[in-house]
Amino acid sequence: MGRPGDRVKGRVGSNPISASRSPNGGPAAILFDLDGTLVDSERANVESVVLACRALGVELNVDEQRFVVGHSWNEIYERIAATYGVDIGMDALIARAVDEKRALLAVTGHHALPDAIATVQRLARRCPLAIASGASRVEVRDAIEGIGIAHYFQVVLGAEDYAHGKPAPDPYLLAMDKLGVRAHAARCIVIEDATPGILAGRAAGARVIGVRAGNFVGYDLSPAHVVVDTLAEVTDALCDRLIDSDN
């Protein structure tokens, strides 16, 4: 998934809304997962990891392939290293997987999930946006540039930016810190497609929306505060209702 020198973090976008201001008393910030939430990339993620491991003589089983979905490179590498004793570091394995993924996407291209682009454009007019992904920085950059939404995000985080991935709250807490909204976590909204990310968002103190559209492995989305079919249902009214709820 990415090379060590490639960085995608900090202020990426040109969204003029300040992190300290949310219009009309709306969300303090909206924090997105990437793969399976904004971009239809989970299958390519799994295949790229499978191919990178196969080149090392390692065949990932079905459970290990499923684990790739919804978890960060930190946990994926830890599981592979502990199970198979690979003599390659995380950065090197990421680099191999990135090469495999880029080869796959050279054929298919990046594809936004239904209504992802329009929803990001609309929500960016209301409050600051961030991405907290378990993918590597270079994968995140490739994806958001590939579907033309990079400039809408003030903070973009990849797996190299934190020590513990989802379901730990670290990715979302770090995104809140960088946006300056951690004190208003209960007015932040996390948008996710997988159980580990939903649990991470809740542990960070945010309201969480689960989206079915990219959940191709059938993760349980019920821990989310609200579950919708597509991002089109993440309306301004839903966001306002969610952050004003006591549930």
C-alpha atoms as a PDB file:
ATOM      1  CA  MET A   1       0.000   0.000   0.000  1.00  0.00           C
ATOM      2  CA  GLY A   2       2.533   2.933   0.240  1.00  0.00           C
ATOM      3  CA  ARG A   3       6.149   3.941   0.144  1.00  0.00           C
ATOM      4  CA  PRO A   4       7.718   5.464   3.254  1.00  0.00           C
ATOM      5  CA  GLY A   5       8.569   8.822   1.707  1.00  0.00           C
ATOM      6  CA  ASP A   6       5.105   9.513   0.329  1.00  0.00           C
ATOM      7  CA  ARG A   7       3.174  11.702   2.734  1.00  0.00           C
ATOM      8  CA  VAL A   8      -0.489  12.621   2.583  1.00  0.00           C
ATOM      9  CA  LYS A   9      -1.379  14.372   5.781  1.00  0.00           C
ATOM     10  CA  GLY A  10      -2.039  17.774   7.274  1.00  0.00           C
ATOM     11  CA  ARG A  11      -3.861  20.379   5.254  1.00  0.00           C
ATOM     12  CA  VAL A  12      -4.572  18.944   1.798  1.00  0.00           C
ATOM     13  CA  GLY A  13      -7.662  20.741   0.647  1.00  0.00           C
ATOM     14  CA  SER A  14      -8.670  24.310  -0.048  1.00  0.00           C
ATOM     15  CA  ASN A  15     -11.987  24.199   1.799  1.00  0.00           C
ATOM     16  CA  PRO A  16     -12.375  27.726   3.187  1.00  0.00           C
ATOM     17  CA  ILE A  17     -14.450  26.703   6.232  1.00  0.00           C
ATOM     18  CA  SER A  18     -12.466  27.038   9.457  1.00  0.00           C
ATOM     19  CA  ALA A  19     -12.243  24.050  11.757  1.00  0.00           C
ATOM     20  CA  SER A  20     -13.457  26.250  14.598  1.00  0.00           C
ATOM     21  CA  ARG A  21     -16.699  27.197  12.856  1.00  0.00           C
ATOM     22  CA  SER A  22     -19.614  25.021  11.849  1.00  0.00           C
ATOM     23  CA  PRO A  23     -22.411  26.944  10.121  1.00  0.00           C
ATOM     24  CA  ASN A  24     -25.914  26.904  11.606  1.00  0.00           C
ATOM     25  CA  GLY A  25     -24.755  24.963  14.654  1.00  0.00           C
ATOM     26  CA  GLY A  26     -24.149  21.887  12.502  1.00  0.00           C
ATOM     27  CA  PRO A  27     -21.385  19.276  12.783  1.00  0.00           C
ATOM     28  CA  ALA A  28     -17.990  20.376  14.067  1.00  0.00           C
ATOM     29  CA  ALA A  29     -16.416  18.082  11.444  1.00  0.00           C
ATOM     30  CA  ILE A  30     -17.197  15.056   9.325  1.00  0.00           C
ATOM     31  CA  LEU A  31     -14.592  12.293   9.247  1.00  0.00           C
ATOM     32  CA  PHE A  32     -14.637   9.728   6.456  1.00  0.00           C
ATOM     33  CA  ASP A  33     -13.209   6.288   6.050  1.00  0.00           C
ATOM     34  CA  LEU A  34     -11.942   5.819   2.484  1.00  0.00           C
ATOM     35  CA  ASP A  35     -12.022   2.307   1.041  1.00  0.00           C
ATOM     36  CA  GLY A  36     -15.546   0.961   0.832  1.00  0.00           C
ATOM     37  CA  THR A  37     -16.960   4.280   2.012  1.00  0.00           C
ATOM     38  CA  LEU A  38     -15.930   6.790  -0.658  1.00  0.00           C
ATOM     39  CA  VAL A  39     -14.104   4.575  -3.139  1.00  0.00           C
ATOM     40  CA  ASP A  40     -15.042   1.121  -4.433  1.00  0.00           C
ATOM     41  CA  SER A  41     -11.592  -0.268  -3.772  1.00  0.00           C
ATOM     42  CA  GLU A  42     -11.869  -3.027  -1.180  1.00  0.00           C
ATOM     43  CA  ARG A  43     -11.559  -5.877  -3.698  1.00  0.00           C
ATOM     44  CA  ALA A  44      -8.441  -4.301  -5.206  1.00  0.00           C
ATOM     45  CA  ASN A  45      -7.037  -3.821  -1.706  1.00  0.00           C
ATOM     46  CA  VAL A  46      -7.497  -7.483  -0.859  1.00  0.00           C
ATOM     47  CA  GLU A  47      -6.120  -8.696  -4.182  1.00  0.00           C
ATOM     48  CA  SER A  48      -3.066  -6.442  -3.956  1.00  0.00           C
ATOM     49  CA  VAL A  49      -2.196  -7.766  -0.497  1.00  0.00           C
ATOM     50  CA  VAL A  50      -2.766 -11.354  -1.648  1.00  0.00           C
ATOM     51  CA  LEU A  51      -0.452 -10.851  -4.639  1.00  0.00           C
ATOM     52  CA  ALA A  52       2.250  -9.116  -2.581  1.00  0.00           C
ATOM     53  CA  CYS A  53       2.197 -11.938  -0.035  1.00  0.00           C
ATOM     54  CA  ARG A  54       2.155 -14.627  -2.724  1.00  0.00           C
ATOM     55  CA  ALA A  55       5.392 -13.217  -4.117  1.00  0.00           C
ATOM     56  CA  LEU A  56       6.878 -13.928  -0.674  1.00  0.00           C
ATOM     57  CA  GLY A  57       5.577 -17.498  -0.694  1.00  0.00           C
ATOM     58  CA  VAL A  58       2.628 -16.732   1.576  1.00  0.00           C
ATOM     59  CA  GLU A  59      -0.961 -17.643   0.677  1.00  0.00           C
ATOM     60  CA  LEU A  60      -3.566 -15.738   2.677  1.00  0.00           C
ATOM     61  CA  ASN A  61      -6.637 -17.757   3.652  1.00  0.00           C
ATOM     62  CA  VAL A  62     -10.217 -16.510   3.483  1.00  0.00           C
ATOM     63  CA  ASP A  63     -10.232 -15.173   7.048  1.00  0.00           C
ATOM     64  CA  GLU A  64      -6.975 -13.312   6.484  1.00  0.00           C
ATOM     65  CA  GLN A  65      -8.285 -11.811   3.262  1.00  0.00           C
ATOM     66  CA  ARG A  66     -11.443 -10.679   5.054  1.00  0.00           C
ATOM     67  CA  PHE A  67      -9.285  -9.116   7.776  1.00  0.00           C
ATOM     68  CA  VAL A  68      -7.710  -6.817   5.174  1.00  0.00           C
ATOM     69  CA  VAL A  69     -11.116  -5.148   4.777  1.00  0.00           C
ATOM     70  CA  GLY A  70     -11.742  -2.598   7.512  1.00  0.00           C
ATOM     71  CA  HIS A  71      -8.338  -2.843   9.214  1.00  0.00           C
ATOM     72  CA  SER A  72      -5.218  -0.714   8.838  1.00  0.00           C
ATOM     73  CA  TRP A  73      -1.867  -1.727   7.462  1.00  0.00           C
ATOM     74  CA  ASN A  74      -0.526  -1.754  11.024  1.00  0.00           C
ATOM     75  CA  GLU A  75      -2.799  -4.622  12.038  1.00  0.00           C
ATOM     76  CA  ILE A  76      -2.661  -6.367   8.653  1.00  0.00           C
ATOM     77  CA  TYR A  77       1.133  -6.479   8.715  1.00  0.00           C
ATOM     78  CA  GLU A  78       1.218  -7.556  12.367  1.00  0.00           C
ATOM     79  CA  ARG A  79      -1.097 -10.491  11.638  1.00  0.00           C
ATOM     80  CA  ILE A  80       0.818 -11.605   8.544  1.00  0.00           C
ATOM     81  CA  ALA A  81       4.196 -11.294  10.279  1.00  0.00           C
ATOM     82  CA  ALA A  82       3.022 -13.172  13.378  1.00  0.00           C
ATOM     83  CA  THR A  83       1.410 -15.968  11.357  1.00  0.00           C
ATOM     84  CA  TYR A  84       4.018 -16.489   8.641  1.00  0.00           C
ATOM     85  CA  GLY A  85       7.214 -14.968  10.025  1.00  0.00           C
ATOM     86  CA  VAL A  86       7.907 -12.933   6.884  1.00  0.00           C
ATOM     87  CA  ASP A  87      11.371 -11.366   6.818  1.00  0.00           C
ATOM     88  CA  ILE A  88      10.205  -8.102   5.298  1.00  0.00           C
ATOM     89  CA  GLY A  89       9.242  -4.881   7.063  1.00  0.00           C
ATOM     90  CA  MET A  90       5.846  -3.198   6.884  1.00  0.00           C
ATOM     91  CA  ASP A  91       7.035  -0.386   4.607  1.00  0.00           C
ATOM     92  CA  ALA A  92       8.513  -2.890   2.164  1.00  0.00           C
ATOM     93  CA  LEU A  93       5.344  -5.005   2.118  1.00  0.00           C
ATOM     94  CA  ILE A  94       3.265  -1.875   1.618  1.00  0.00           C
ATOM     95  CA  ALA A  95       5.455  -0.871  -1.333  1.00  0.00           C
ATOM     96  CA  ARG A  96       4.978  -4.281  -2.970  1.00  0.00           C
ATOM     97  CA  ALA A  97       1.210  -4.108  -2.467  1.00  0.00           C
ATOM     98  CA  VAL A  98       1.063  -0.579  -3.872  1.00  0.00           C
ATOM     99  CA  ASP A  99       2.775  -1.747  -7.051  1.00  0.00           C
ATOM    100  CA  GLU A 100       0.269  -4.596  -7.362  1.00  0.00           C
ATOM    101  CA  LYS A 101      -2.672  -2.294  -6.712  1.00  0.00           C
ATOM    102  CA  ARG A 102      -1.519   0.302  -9.211  1.00  0.00           C
ATOM    103  CA  ALA A 103      -1.236  -2.436 -11.840  1.00  0.00           C
ATOM    104  CA  LEU A 104      -4.801  -3.543 -11.098  1.00  0.00           C
ATOM    105  CA  LEU A 105      -6.155   0.016 -11.158  1.00  0.00           C
ATOM    106  CA  ALA A 106      -4.329   0.816 -14.381  1.00  0.00           C
ATOM    107  CA  VAL A 107      -6.895  -1.482 -15.964  1.00  0.00           C
ATOM    108  CA  THR A 108     -10.030  -0.607 -13.974  1.00  0.00           C
ATOM    109  CA  GLY A 109      -9.370   2.933 -12.748  1.00  0.00           C
ATOM    110  CA  HIS A 110     -10.615   4.401  -9.470  1.00  0.00           C
ATOM    111  CA  HIS A 111     -14.374   4.376  -8.974  1.00  0.00           C
ATOM    112  CA  ALA A 112     -16.308   6.474  -6.492  1.00  0.00           C
ATOM    113  CA  LEU A 113     -19.102   4.735  -4.637  1.00  0.00           C
ATOM    114  CA  PRO A 114     -22.662   5.925  -5.350  1.00  0.00           C
ATOM    115  CA  ASP A 115     -23.166   9.638  -4.595  1.00  0.00           C
ATOM    116  CA  ALA A 116     -19.753   9.906  -2.900  1.00  0.00           C
ATOM    117  CA  ILE A 117     -18.517  12.902  -4.887  1.00  0.00           C
ATOM    118  CA  ALA A 118     -21.743  14.910  -4.651  1.00  0.00           C
ATOM    119  CA  THR A 119     -22.026  14.181  -0.923  1.00  0.00           C
ATOM    120  CA  VAL A 120     -18.452  15.291  -0.221  1.00  0.00           C
ATOM    121  CA  GLN A 121     -19.007  18.476  -2.242  1.00  0.00           C
ATOM    122  CA  ARG A 122     -22.186  19.263  -0.315  1.00  0.00           C
ATOM    123  CA  LEU A 123     -20.853  18.496   3.155  1.00  0.00           C
ATOM    124  CA  ALA A 124     -17.648  20.473   2.530  1.00  0.00           C
ATOM    125  CA  ARG A 125     -19.792  23.607   2.357  1.00  0.00           C
ATOM    126  CA  ARG A 126     -20.979  22.974   5.915  1.00  0.00           C
ATOM    127  CA  CYS A 127     -17.938  21.996   7.953  1.00  0.00           C
ATOM    128  CA  PRO A 128     -14.333  20.747   7.763  1.00  0.00           C
ATOM    129  CA  LEU A 129     -13.807  17.266   6.336  1.00  0.00           C
ATOM    130  CA  ALA A 130     -11.111  14.689   7.060  1.00  0.00           C
ATOM    131  CA  ILE A 131     -10.177  11.204   5.912  1.00  0.00           C
ATOM    132  CA  ALA A 132      -8.854   8.691   8.445  1.00  0.00           C
ATOM    133  CA  SER A 133      -7.925   5.615   6.451  1.00  0.00           C
ATOM    134  CA  GLY A 134      -6.229   2.313   7.207  1.00  0.00           C
ATOM    135  CA  ALA A 135      -4.611   2.404   3.777  1.00  0.00           C
ATOM    136  CA  SER A 136      -1.130   3.810   3.259  1.00  0.00           C
ATOM    137  CA  ARG A 137      -0.674   7.508   2.537  1.00  0.00           C
ATOM    138  CA  VAL A 138       0.160   6.919  -1.106  1.00  0.00           C
ATOM    139  CA  GLU A 139      -2.926   4.741  -1.611  1.00  0.00           C
ATOM    140  CA  VAL A 140      -5.104   7.434  -0.054  1.00  0.00           C
ATOM    141  CA  ARG A 141      -3.559  10.076  -2.289  1.00  0.00           C
ATOM    142  CA  ASP A 142      -4.002   7.951  -5.400  1.00  0.00           C
ATOM    143  CA  ALA A 143      -7.660   7.297  -4.586  1.00  0.00           C
ATOM    144  CA  ILE A 144      -8.820  10.796  -3.701  1.00  0.00           C
ATOM    145  CA  GLU A 145      -6.945  12.331  -6.610  1.00  0.00           C
ATOM    146  CA  GLY A 146      -8.257   9.562  -8.842  1.00  0.00           C
ATOM    147  CA  ILE A 147     -11.877  10.525  -8.189  1.00  0.00           C
ATOM    148  CA  GLY A 148     -11.186  14.259  -7.957  1.00  0.00           C
ATOM    149  CA  ILE A 149     -12.032  15.010  -4.321  1.00  0.00           C
ATOM    150  CA  ALA A 150      -8.625  15.665  -2.718  1.00  0.00           C
ATOM    151  CA  HIS A 151      -9.130  19.409  -2.365  1.00  0.00           C
ATOM    152  CA  TYR A 152     -12.229  19.029  -0.202  1.00  0.00           C
ATOM    153  CA  PHE A 153     -10.332  17.559   2.753  1.00  0.00           C
ATOM    154  CA  GLN A 154      -8.391  19.608   5.281  1.00  0.00           C
ATOM    155  CA  VAL A 155      -6.827  16.544   6.914  1.00  0.00           C
ATOM    156  CA  VAL A 156      -5.942  13.223   5.279  1.00  0.00           C
ATOM    157  CA  LEU A 157      -4.427  10.407   7.341  1.00  0.00           C
ATOM    158  CA  GLY A 158      -2.979   7.061   6.319  1.00  0.00           C
ATOM    159  CA  ALA A 159      -1.837   4.078   8.355  1.00  0.00           C
ATOM    160  CA  GLU A 160       1.681   5.481   8.823  1.00  0.00           C
ATOM    161  CA  ASP A 161       0.279   8.397  10.818  1.00  0.00           C
ATOM    162  CA  TYR A 162      -0.807   6.449  13.911  1.00  0.00           C
ATOM    163  CA  ALA A 163       0.337   3.398  15.864  1.00  0.00           C
ATOM    164  CA  HIS A 164      -2.986   1.617  16.386  1.00  0.00           C
ATOM    165  CA  GLY A 165      -5.628   1.223  13.685  1.00  0.00           C
ATOM    166  CA  LYS A 166      -9.367   0.669  13.876  1.00  0.00           C
ATOM    167  CA  PRO A 167     -11.187  -0.459  16.056  1.00  0.00           C
ATOM    168  CA  ALA A 168      -8.857   1.630  18.249  1.00  0.00           C
ATOM    169  CA  PRO A 169     -10.012   5.273  18.206  1.00  0.00           C
ATOM    170  CA  ASP A 170      -6.530   6.603  17.331  1.00  0.00           C
ATOM    171  CA  PRO A 171      -7.160   7.456  13.638  1.00  0.00           C
ATOM    172  CA  TYR A 172     -10.270   9.498  14.381  1.00  0.00           C
ATOM    173  CA  LEU A 173      -8.868  11.144  17.505  1.00  0.00           C
ATOM    174  CA  LEU A 174      -5.798  12.219  15.523  1.00  0.00           C
ATOM    175  CA  ALA A 175      -8.001  13.624  12.755  1.00  0.00           C
ATOM    176  CA  MET A 176      -9.997  15.581  15.335  1.00  0.00           C
ATOM    177  CA  ASP A 177      -6.780  16.902  16.884  1.00  0.00           C
ATOM    178  CA  LYS A 178      -5.476  18.079  13.519  1.00  0.00           C
ATOM    179  CA  LEU A 179      -8.785  19.823  12.806  1.00  0.00           C
ATOM    180  CA  GLY A 180      -8.870  21.331  16.288  1.00  0.00           C
ATOM    181  CA  VAL A 181     -12.264  19.812  17.128  1.00  0.00           C
ATOM    182  CA  ARG A 182     -11.463  17.073  19.649  1.00  0.00           C
ATOM    183  CA  ALA A 183     -13.184  19.052  22.405  1.00  0.00           C
ATOM    184  CA  HIS A 184     -16.326  18.801  20.276  1.00  0.00           C
ATOM    185  CA  ALA A 185     -16.113  15.069  19.495  1.00  0.00           C
ATOM    186  CA  ALA A 186     -19.825  14.580  20.181  1.00  0.00           C
ATOM    187  CA  ARG A 187     -20.544  17.025  17.362  1.00  0.00           C
ATOM    188  CA  CYS A 188     -18.311  15.161  14.933  1.00  0.00           C
ATOM    189  CA  ILE A 189     -19.682  12.559  12.523  1.00  0.00           C
ATOM    190  CA  VAL A 190     -17.762   9.515  11.336  1.00  0.00           C
ATOM    191  CA  ILE A 191     -18.861   7.787   8.115  1.00  0.00           C
ATOM    192  CA  GLU A 192     -17.838   4.135   7.761  1.00  0.00           C
ATOM    193  CA  ASP A 193     -18.543   0.862   5.954  1.00  0.00           C
ATOM    194  CA  ALA A 194     -17.059  -1.693   8.368  1.00  0.00           C
ATOM    195  CA  THR A 195     -17.443  -2.750  11.987  1.00  0.00           C
ATOM    196  CA  PRO A 196     -13.860  -1.901  13.064  1.00  0.00           C
ATOM    197  CA  GLY A 197     -14.250   1.660  11.808  1.00  0.00           C
ATOM    198  CA  ILE A 198     -17.664   2.086  13.383  1.00  0.00           C
ATOM    199  CA  LEU A 199     -16.280   0.957  16.742  1.00  0.00           C
ATOM    200  CA  ALA A 200     -13.320   3.332  16.311  1.00  0.00           C
ATOM    201  CA  GLY A 201     -15.631   6.264  15.647  1.00  0.00           C
ATOM    202  CA  ARG A 202     -17.769   5.492  18.669  1.00  0.00           C
ATOM    203  CA  ALA A 203     -14.698   5.050  20.873  1.00  0.00           C
ATOM    204  CA  ALA A 204     -13.519   8.484  19.721  1.00  0.00           C
ATOM    205  CA  GLY A 205     -16.799   9.955  20.977  1.00  0.00           C
ATOM    206  CA  ALA A 206     -18.264  10.742  17.556  1.00  0.00           C
ATOM    207  CA  ARG A 207     -21.646   9.968  16.046  1.00  0.00           C
ATOM    208  CA  VAL A 208     -21.300   7.251  13.421  1.00  0.00           C
ATOM    209  CA  ILE A 209     -23.108   6.567  10.164  1.00  0.00           C
ATOM    210  CA  GLY A 210     -22.723   3.131   8.586  1.00  0.00           C
ATOM    211  CA  VAL A 211     -23.088   2.908   4.797  1.00  0.00           C
ATOM    212  CA  ARG A 212     -24.085  -0.359   3.127  1.00  0.00           C
ATOM    213  CA  ALA A 213     -23.086   0.418  -0.474  1.00  0.00           C
ATOM    214  CA  GLY A 214     -19.418  -0.609  -0.241  1.00  0.00           C
ATOM    215  CA  ASN A 215     -19.757  -3.267   2.466  1.00  0.00           C
ATOM    216  CA  PHE A 216     -19.195  -6.219   0.153  1.00  0.00           C
ATOM    217  CA  VAL A 217     -17.975  -8.613   2.879  1.00  0.00           C
ATOM    218  CA  GLY A 218     -21.127  -8.156   4.944  1.00  0.00           C
ATOM    219  CA  TYR A 219     -19.736  -6.486   8.057  1.00  0.00           C
ATOM    220  CA  ASP A 220     -22.251  -5.892  10.849  1.00  0.00           C
ATOM    221  CA  LEU A 221     -23.103  -2.182  10.697  1.00  0.00           C
ATOM    222  CA  SER A 222     -25.561  -2.224  13.609  1.00  0.00           C
ATOM    223  CA  PRO A 223     -23.118  -0.596  16.090  1.00  0.00           C
ATOM    224  CA  ALA A 224     -23.481   2.637  14.079  1.00  0.00           C
ATOM    225  CA  HIS A 225     -25.908   5.265  15.335  1.00  0.00           C
ATOM    226  CA  VAL A 226     -27.555   5.281  11.896  1.00  0.00           C
ATOM    227  CA  VAL A 227     -27.242   2.931   8.907  1.00  0.00           C
ATOM    228  CA  VAL A 228     -27.998   4.097   5.344  1.00  0.00           C
ATOM    229  CA  ASP A 229     -27.865   2.425   1.948  1.00  0.00           C
ATOM    230  CA  THR A 230     -25.820   5.073   0.120  1.00  0.00           C
ATOM    231  CA  LEU A 231     -24.113   8.376   0.855  1.00  0.00           C
ATOM    232  CA  ALA A 232     -27.021  10.199  -0.786  1.00  0.00           C
ATOM    233  CA  GLU A 233     -28.938   9.527   2.432  1.00  0.00           C
ATOM    234  CA  VAL A 234     -26.349  11.431   4.487  1.00  0.00           C
ATOM    235  CA  THR A 235     -28.381  14.617   4.236  1.00  0.00           C
ATOM    236  CA  ASP A 236     -27.854  17.869   6.099  1.00  0.00           C
ATOM    237  CA  ALA A 237     -31.011  17.102   8.078  1.00  0.00           C
ATOM    238  CA  LEU A 238     -29.711  13.663   9.083  1.00  0.00           C
ATOM    239  CA  CYS A 239     -26.385  15.117  10.227  1.00  0.00           C
ATOM    240  CA  ASP A 240     -28.110  17.799  12.297  1.00  0.00           C
ATOM    241  CA  ARG A 241     -30.488  15.277  13.836  1.00  0.00           C
ATOM    242  CA  LEU A 242     -27.641  12.917  14.671  1.00  0.00           C
ATOM    243  CA  ILE A 243     -25.490  15.414  16.536  1.00  0.00           C
ATOM    244  CA  ASP A 244     -28.487  16.762  18.448  1.00  0.00           C
ATOM    245  CA  SER A 245     -29.531  13.284  19.557  1.00  0.00           C
ATOM    246  CA  ASP A 246     -28.902  12.009  23.085  1.00  0.00           C
ATOM    247  CA  ASN A 247     -28.692   8.376  21.910  1.00  0.00           C
END
